[in-house]
Amino acid sequence: MLYEFWEVEFFFEQGVFGFGIPFRDSSASLLVGPTDTLRLDDLTGLFREVDERVRLRIPDKYLAAREAGDPRAS
């Protein structure tokens, strides 16, 4: 769970990896790699990119409350 808001799935098959958000009847792809800048040997950069892309899908008011330490955002 990222920020206790979205479940994020990771997949890996034959050298290809990706992250997505599963929903009941579908899923939303966050990123697929490897690419020149997204590689499994750079987990810090990879997780930073996943973080940025997930934040785009979380409502701003939730993120603001979370960053301000509002316990209702947990």
Protein backbone atom coordinates (compact mmCIF):
# COMPACT_ATOMS: atom_id res chain seq x y z
CA MET A 1 0.00 0.00 0.00
CA LEU A 2 1.30 3.43 -0.87
CA TYR A 3 0.23 6.10 1.59
CA GLU A 4 -2.46 3.64 2.71
CA PHE A 5 -4.43 4.73 -0.36
CA TRP A 6 -3.51 2.49 -3.32
CA GLU A 7 -2.28 -1.06 -3.49
CA VAL A 8 0.60 -1.21 -5.96
CA GLU A 9 1.43 -4.46 -7.74
CA PHE A 10 4.82 -5.39 -9.17
CA PHE A 11 5.30 -7.88 -11.99
CA PHE A 12 8.38 -9.38 -13.58
CA GLU A 13 8.54 -11.78 -16.51
CA GLN A 14 11.40 -12.57 -18.88
CA GLY A 15 13.32 -9.40 -18.04
CA VAL A 16 10.33 -7.06 -18.29
CA PHE A 17 8.93 -5.47 -15.14
CA GLY A 18 6.19 -3.08 -14.25
CA PHE A 19 4.06 -1.54 -11.55
CA GLY A 20 0.32 -1.08 -11.57
CA ILE A 21 -2.70 -0.29 -9.43
CA PRO A 22 -5.25 -3.14 -9.40
CA PHE A 23 -8.96 -2.40 -9.39
CA ARG A 24 -11.88 -4.79 -9.16
CA ASP A 25 -12.32 -5.31 -12.92
CA SER A 26 -9.19 -3.69 -14.36
CA SER A 27 -5.86 -2.14 -13.49
CA ALA A 28 -3.93 1.05 -14.20
CA SER A 29 -0.36 0.75 -15.39
CA LEU A 30 2.11 3.04 -13.63
CA LEU A 31 5.26 2.14 -15.54
CA VAL A 32 6.87 -0.64 -17.54
CA GLY A 33 10.59 -1.24 -17.90
CA PRO A 34 13.38 -1.61 -18.35
CA THR A 35 14.14 1.65 -20.12
CA ASP A 36 17.28 3.77 -20.29
CA THR A 37 16.33 5.47 -17.00
CA LEU A 38 14.22 2.80 -15.24
CA ARG A 39 16.22 -0.29 -14.29
CA LEU A 40 16.03 -2.82 -11.48
CA ASP A 41 19.65 -2.10 -10.55
CA ASP A 42 18.58 1.46 -9.58
CA LEU A 43 15.82 0.77 -7.07
CA THR A 44 16.02 4.24 -5.53
CA GLY A 45 15.32 5.92 -8.86
CA LEU A 46 12.71 3.33 -9.77
CA PHE A 47 10.77 3.76 -6.52
CA ARG A 48 11.04 7.55 -6.79
CA GLU A 49 9.37 7.36 -10.20
CA VAL A 50 6.64 5.01 -8.92
CA ASP A 51 6.06 7.41 -6.01
CA GLU A 52 5.69 10.39 -8.37
CA ARG A 53 3.27 8.56 -10.65
CA VAL A 54 1.12 7.26 -7.79
CA ARG A 55 0.92 10.74 -6.23
CA LEU A 56 -0.65 11.98 -9.48
CA ARG A 57 -3.55 9.59 -8.84
CA ILE A 58 -4.14 10.47 -5.16
CA PRO A 59 -6.40 13.46 -4.40
CA ASP A 60 -4.43 16.58 -3.40
CA LYS A 61 -6.40 17.06 -0.18
CA TYR A 62 -5.39 13.57 1.00
CA LEU A 63 -1.71 14.21 0.23
CA ALA A 64 -1.80 17.59 1.98
CA ALA A 65 -3.41 16.08 5.09
CA ARG A 66 -0.90 13.20 5.06
CA GLU A 67 2.07 15.57 4.84
CA ALA A 68 0.62 17.76 7.60
CA GLY A 69 0.37 14.72 9.89
CA ASP A 70 -3.43 14.54 9.95
CA PRO A 71 -4.27 11.12 11.48
CA ARG A 72 -7.48 10.94 9.40
CA ALA A 73 -5.32 10.58 6.28
CA SER A 74 -4.00 7.20 7.47
